Amino acid sequence: MSSRMSSPLRRAVIVTTLGSSLVLSAVPAAQAALGGSPMTPPDGSTVTTRVMHATSSAASASTASSTAAAAYSVRETTLASGTVVREYLSQAGTVFGIAWNGPQMPDLNSLLGTYFPQYVDGLTAVRTARGGHGPASVQSDNLVVQSGGHMGAFAGNAWLPQALPAGVSSSDIQ
């Protein structure tokens, strides 16, 4: 066989390559996630942001809260599906926590980013140990994910324990 492809085969390879390129260019750019920048809001979503102040447990009652508080932002995105995703951002703009609730599960692969494989491994271990489906909690030193719900009503949260700003606790991620 010669090193050159036959004309029909060559055409098929070119068409497949071009088709794949067009499909890939139609897919939105990768969204940032837990441990990174906030997600790029998908078309049809609305976004609001509010600045929060975490109170430091070391602060005394006489100290002004503005000097004893670590600021962080909560960026709330309402997806076209009606699901609400809240991203908790450090002062540096890094996502340290995510919470969601609504009629459809958000894309956890996008939201958890590089932590998604760790979540899947933890979820597999939980499912193997107790069997079945239902709410699940995956917990390790560097990632916590709690997720549950049923058709039409899903909720959950995820955070990076080591990235929580001073004065912020896991109960703030909701």
C-alpha atoms as a PDB file:
ATOM      1  CA  MET A   1       0.000   0.000   0.000  1.00  0.00           C
ATOM      2  CA  SER A   2       1.323   3.413  -0.872  1.00  0.00           C
ATOM      3  CA  SER A   3       1.979   6.104   1.704  1.00  0.00           C
ATOM      4  CA  ARG A   4      -0.711   8.255   0.105  1.00  0.00           C
ATOM      5  CA  MET A   5      -4.348   7.755   1.068  1.00  0.00           C
ATOM      6  CA  SER A   6      -6.911   6.999  -1.572  1.00  0.00           C
ATOM      7  CA  SER A   7      -9.018   9.965  -2.577  1.00  0.00           C
ATOM      8  CA  PRO A   8     -12.306   8.816  -0.898  1.00  0.00           C
ATOM      9  CA  LEU A   9     -10.471   7.927   2.326  1.00  0.00           C
ATOM     10  CA  ARG A  10      -8.611  11.232   2.283  1.00  0.00           C
ATOM     11  CA  ARG A  11     -11.897  13.120   1.797  1.00  0.00           C
ATOM     12  CA  ALA A  12     -13.474  11.227   4.712  1.00  0.00           C
ATOM     13  CA  VAL A  13     -10.559  12.080   7.011  1.00  0.00           C
ATOM     14  CA  ILE A  14     -10.712  15.770   6.020  1.00  0.00           C
ATOM     15  CA  VAL A  15     -14.499  15.953   6.462  1.00  0.00           C
ATOM     16  CA  THR A  16     -14.282  14.219   9.854  1.00  0.00           C
ATOM     17  CA  THR A  17     -11.493  16.527  10.993  1.00  0.00           C
ATOM     18  CA  LEU A  18     -13.331  19.654   9.836  1.00  0.00           C
ATOM     19  CA  GLY A  19     -16.571  18.428  11.390  1.00  0.00           C
ATOM     20  CA  SER A  20     -14.822  17.790  14.701  1.00  0.00           C
ATOM     21  CA  SER A  21     -13.253  21.240  14.579  1.00  0.00           C
ATOM     22  CA  LEU A  22     -16.610  22.879  13.958  1.00  0.00           C
ATOM     23  CA  VAL A  23     -18.245  20.934  16.790  1.00  0.00           C
ATOM     24  CA  LEU A  24     -15.424  21.797  19.174  1.00  0.00           C
ATOM     25  CA  SER A  25     -15.579  25.470  18.262  1.00  0.00           C
ATOM     26  CA  ALA A  26     -19.344  25.477  18.928  1.00  0.00           C
ATOM     27  CA  VAL A  27     -18.824  24.169  22.467  1.00  0.00           C
ATOM     28  CA  PRO A  28     -18.340  26.992  24.985  1.00  0.00           C
ATOM     29  CA  ALA A  29     -14.832  27.447  26.304  1.00  0.00           C
ATOM     30  CA  ALA A  30     -13.984  25.362  29.337  1.00  0.00           C
ATOM     31  CA  GLN A  31     -15.546  26.854  32.416  1.00  0.00           C
ATOM     32  CA  ALA A  32     -13.423  27.491  35.426  1.00  0.00           C
ATOM     33  CA  ALA A  33     -14.312  25.678  38.592  1.00  0.00           C
ATOM     34  CA  LEU A  34     -13.599  24.837  42.198  1.00  0.00           C
ATOM     35  CA  GLY A  35     -10.064  25.976  42.978  1.00  0.00           C
ATOM     36  CA  GLY A  36     -10.027  28.309  39.952  1.00  0.00           C
ATOM     37  CA  SER A  37     -11.859  31.306  38.570  1.00  0.00           C
ATOM     38  CA  PRO A  38     -15.658  31.625  38.567  1.00  0.00           C
ATOM     39  CA  MET A  39     -17.546  29.927  35.769  1.00  0.00           C
ATOM     40  CA  THR A  40     -18.437  31.699  32.561  1.00  0.00           C
ATOM     41  CA  PRO A  41     -22.208  32.149  32.756  1.00  0.00           C
ATOM     42  CA  PRO A  42     -23.951  30.107  30.069  1.00  0.00           C
ATOM     43  CA  ASP A  43     -26.355  31.805  27.660  1.00  0.00           C
ATOM     44  CA  GLY A  44     -29.738  32.463  29.221  1.00  0.00           C
ATOM     45  CA  SER A  45     -28.441  32.731  32.796  1.00  0.00           C
ATOM     46  CA  THR A  46     -28.480  35.652  35.209  1.00  0.00           C
ATOM     47  CA  VAL A  47     -25.691  36.559  37.632  1.00  0.00           C
ATOM     48  CA  THR A  48     -25.632  38.558  40.867  1.00  0.00           C
ATOM     49  CA  THR A  49     -22.694  39.085  43.217  1.00  0.00           C
ATOM     50  CA  ARG A  50     -22.602  40.171  46.835  1.00  0.00           C
ATOM     51  CA  VAL A  51     -19.667  40.797  49.160  1.00  0.00           C
ATOM     52  CA  MET A  52     -19.748  38.982  52.486  1.00  0.00           C
ATOM     53  CA  HIS A  53     -17.662  39.443  55.626  1.00  0.00           C
ATOM     54  CA  ALA A  54     -16.602  36.409  57.616  1.00  0.00           C
ATOM     55  CA  THR A  55     -16.123  37.133  61.271  1.00  0.00           C
ATOM     56  CA  SER A  56     -12.890  35.905  62.714  1.00  0.00           C
ATOM     57  CA  SER A  57     -13.218  33.849  65.872  1.00  0.00           C
ATOM     58  CA  ALA A  58     -10.108  35.613  67.187  1.00  0.00           C
ATOM     59  CA  ALA A  59     -11.797  39.008  67.021  1.00  0.00           C
ATOM     60  CA  SER A  60     -13.007  40.479  70.268  1.00  0.00           C
ATOM     61  CA  ALA A  61     -16.411  42.113  70.624  1.00  0.00           C
ATOM     62  CA  SER A  62     -14.779  45.527  70.997  1.00  0.00           C
ATOM     63  CA  THR A  63     -12.860  45.274  67.703  1.00  0.00           C
ATOM     64  CA  ALA A  64     -14.509  46.818  64.659  1.00  0.00           C
ATOM     65  CA  SER A  65     -15.863  44.052  62.448  1.00  0.00           C
ATOM     66  CA  SER A  66     -14.400  45.604  59.293  1.00  0.00           C
ATOM     67  CA  THR A  67     -10.862  45.080  60.572  1.00  0.00           C
ATOM     68  CA  ALA A  68     -11.533  41.608  61.960  1.00  0.00           C
ATOM     69  CA  ALA A  69     -13.446  40.232  58.986  1.00  0.00           C
ATOM     70  CA  ALA A  70     -12.205  38.516  55.896  1.00  0.00           C
ATOM     71  CA  ALA A  71     -14.185  39.563  52.835  1.00  0.00           C
ATOM     72  CA  TYR A  72     -15.338  37.053  50.269  1.00  0.00           C
ATOM     73  CA  SER A  73     -17.875  37.197  47.463  1.00  0.00           C
ATOM     74  CA  VAL A  74     -20.831  35.014  46.643  1.00  0.00           C
ATOM     75  CA  ARG A  75     -21.600  34.917  42.945  1.00  0.00           C
ATOM     76  CA  GLU A  76     -25.055  33.532  42.237  1.00  0.00           C
ATOM     77  CA  THR A  77     -25.895  32.295  38.757  1.00  0.00           C
ATOM     78  CA  THR A  78     -29.418  31.258  37.855  1.00  0.00           C
ATOM     79  CA  LEU A  79     -29.173  28.873  34.925  1.00  0.00           C
ATOM     80  CA  ALA A  80     -31.797  28.766  32.177  1.00  0.00           C
ATOM     81  CA  SER A  81     -33.063  25.498  33.744  1.00  0.00           C
ATOM     82  CA  GLY A  82     -33.905  27.353  36.969  1.00  0.00           C
ATOM     83  CA  THR A  83     -31.053  25.770  38.919  1.00  0.00           C
ATOM     84  CA  VAL A  84     -29.138  28.255  41.068  1.00  0.00           C
ATOM     85  CA  VAL A  85     -25.366  27.880  41.465  1.00  0.00           C
ATOM     86  CA  ARG A  86     -23.559  29.910  44.126  1.00  0.00           C
ATOM     87  CA  GLU A  87     -19.802  30.264  43.865  1.00  0.00           C
ATOM     88  CA  TYR A  88     -17.878  31.391  46.955  1.00  0.00           C
ATOM     89  CA  LEU A  89     -14.861  33.471  45.955  1.00  0.00           C
ATOM     90  CA  SER A  90     -11.841  34.467  48.012  1.00  0.00           C
ATOM     91  CA  GLN A  91     -10.529  38.026  47.865  1.00  0.00           C
ATOM     92  CA  ALA A  92      -8.102  36.786  45.212  1.00  0.00           C
ATOM     93  CA  GLY A  93     -11.042  35.632  43.052  1.00  0.00           C
ATOM     94  CA  THR A  94     -10.504  31.896  43.559  1.00  0.00           C
ATOM     95  CA  VAL A  95     -13.558  29.650  44.004  1.00  0.00           C
ATOM     96  CA  PHE A  96     -13.282  27.889  47.381  1.00  0.00           C
ATOM     97  CA  GLY A  97     -16.867  26.646  47.588  1.00  0.00           C
ATOM     98  CA  ILE A  98     -19.906  25.939  45.424  1.00  0.00           C
ATOM     99  CA  ALA A  99     -23.551  25.300  46.298  1.00  0.00           C
ATOM    100  CA  TRP A 100     -26.479  24.467  44.038  1.00  0.00           C
ATOM    101  CA  ASN A 101     -30.201  23.839  44.189  1.00  0.00           C
ATOM    102  CA  GLY A 102     -32.913  23.532  41.601  1.00  0.00           C
ATOM    103  CA  PRO A 103     -34.861  21.315  39.251  1.00  0.00           C
ATOM    104  CA  GLN A 104     -31.793  19.972  37.412  1.00  0.00           C
ATOM    105  CA  MET A 105     -28.346  18.927  38.543  1.00  0.00           C
ATOM    106  CA  PRO A 106     -25.674  21.324  37.304  1.00  0.00           C
ATOM    107  CA  ASP A 107     -22.746  19.924  35.350  1.00  0.00           C
ATOM    108  CA  LEU A 108     -20.552  18.791  38.251  1.00  0.00           C
ATOM    109  CA  ASN A 109     -17.743  17.935  35.866  1.00  0.00           C
ATOM    110  CA  SER A 110     -17.510  21.633  34.953  1.00  0.00           C
ATOM    111  CA  LEU A 111     -18.133  22.937  38.471  1.00  0.00           C
ATOM    112  CA  LEU A 112     -15.651  20.645  40.202  1.00  0.00           C
ATOM    113  CA  GLY A 113     -13.046  20.916  37.442  1.00  0.00           C
ATOM    114  CA  THR A 114      -9.822  19.123  38.344  1.00  0.00           C
ATOM    115  CA  TYR A 115     -11.479  17.794  41.513  1.00  0.00           C
ATOM    116  CA  PHE A 116     -14.146  15.892  39.542  1.00  0.00           C
ATOM    117  CA  PRO A 117     -12.122  12.633  39.194  1.00  0.00           C
ATOM    118  CA  GLN A 118     -11.493  12.671  42.958  1.00  0.00           C
ATOM    119  CA  TYR A 119     -15.253  13.156  43.513  1.00  0.00           C
ATOM    120  CA  VAL A 120     -16.092  10.249  41.186  1.00  0.00           C
ATOM    121  CA  ASP A 121     -13.583   7.983  42.954  1.00  0.00           C
ATOM    122  CA  GLY A 122     -15.012   8.938  46.357  1.00  0.00           C
ATOM    123  CA  LEU A 123     -18.586   8.477  45.146  1.00  0.00           C
ATOM    124  CA  THR A 124     -17.726   5.059  43.736  1.00  0.00           C
ATOM    125  CA  ALA A 125     -16.233   4.047  47.092  1.00  0.00           C
ATOM    126  CA  VAL A 126     -19.338   5.263  48.963  1.00  0.00           C
ATOM    127  CA  ARG A 127     -21.684   3.455  46.559  1.00  0.00           C
ATOM    128  CA  THR A 128     -19.636   0.270  46.786  1.00  0.00           C
ATOM    129  CA  ALA A 129     -19.596   0.366  50.580  1.00  0.00           C
ATOM    130  CA  ARG A 130     -23.298   0.969  51.122  1.00  0.00           C
ATOM    131  CA  GLY A 131     -24.806   0.205  47.713  1.00  0.00           C
ATOM    132  CA  GLY A 132     -27.585   1.892  45.843  1.00  0.00           C
ATOM    133  CA  HIS A 133     -28.215   5.491  45.011  1.00  0.00           C
ATOM    134  CA  GLY A 134     -29.391   8.463  47.002  1.00  0.00           C
ATOM    135  CA  PRO A 135     -27.676  11.313  48.781  1.00  0.00           C
ATOM    136  CA  ALA A 136     -23.935  11.050  48.974  1.00  0.00           C
ATOM    137  CA  SER A 137     -21.162  12.733  50.859  1.00  0.00           C
ATOM    138  CA  VAL A 138     -17.593  12.505  49.640  1.00  0.00           C
ATOM    139  CA  GLN A 139     -15.098  13.762  52.168  1.00  0.00           C
ATOM    140  CA  SER A 140     -11.314  13.936  52.078  1.00  0.00           C
ATOM    141  CA  ASP A 141      -8.654  16.268  53.453  1.00  0.00           C
ATOM    142  CA  ASN A 142      -8.804  18.499  50.389  1.00  0.00           C
ATOM    143  CA  LEU A 143     -12.379  18.097  49.036  1.00  0.00           C
ATOM    144  CA  VAL A 144     -15.879  17.785  50.459  1.00  0.00           C
ATOM    145  CA  VAL A 145     -18.936  17.242  48.237  1.00  0.00           C
ATOM    146  CA  GLN A 146     -22.472  16.693  49.528  1.00  0.00           C
ATOM    147  CA  SER A 147     -25.172  16.052  46.957  1.00  0.00           C
ATOM    148  CA  GLY A 148     -28.701  14.747  46.977  1.00  0.00           C
ATOM    149  CA  GLY A 149     -32.245  15.236  45.850  1.00  0.00           C
ATOM    150  CA  HIS A 150     -34.669  13.726  43.413  1.00  0.00           C
ATOM    151  CA  MET A 151     -36.127  14.522  40.009  1.00  0.00           C
ATOM    152  CA  GLY A 152     -37.064  18.201  40.012  1.00  0.00           C
ATOM    153  CA  ALA A 153     -35.329  19.077  43.294  1.00  0.00           C
ATOM    154  CA  PHE A 154     -31.559  18.706  43.550  1.00  0.00           C
ATOM    155  CA  ALA A 155     -29.234  20.356  46.043  1.00  0.00           C
ATOM    156  CA  GLY A 156     -25.652  20.104  47.128  1.00  0.00           C
ATOM    157  CA  ASN A 157     -22.448  21.849  47.970  1.00  0.00           C
ATOM    158  CA  ALA A 158     -18.717  21.383  47.601  1.00  0.00           C
ATOM    159  CA  TRP A 159     -15.744  23.103  49.160  1.00  0.00           C
ATOM    160  CA  LEU A 160     -12.009  22.943  49.612  1.00  0.00           C
ATOM    161  CA  PRO A 161     -11.348  22.780  53.387  1.00  0.00           C
ATOM    162  CA  GLN A 162      -7.785  24.074  53.047  1.00  0.00           C
ATOM    163  CA  ALA A 163      -8.957  27.081  50.981  1.00  0.00           C
ATOM    164  CA  LEU A 164     -11.680  28.382  53.332  1.00  0.00           C
ATOM    165  CA  PRO A 165     -10.805  31.975  54.295  1.00  0.00           C
ATOM    166  CA  ALA A 166     -10.311  32.809  57.966  1.00  0.00           C
ATOM    167  CA  GLY A 167     -13.685  33.060  59.680  1.00  0.00           C
ATOM    168  CA  VAL A 168     -15.532  31.055  57.012  1.00  0.00           C
ATOM    169  CA  SER A 169     -16.835  27.613  57.942  1.00  0.00           C
ATOM    170  CA  SER A 170     -18.287  24.825  55.867  1.00  0.00           C
ATOM    171  CA  SER A 171     -21.769  25.773  57.103  1.00  0.00           C
ATOM    172  CA  ASP A 172     -21.412  29.081  55.207  1.00  0.00           C
ATOM    173  CA  ILE A 173     -21.375  27.187  51.887  1.00  0.00           C
ATOM    174  CA  GLN A 174     -25.094  26.818  51.215  1.00  0.00           C
END
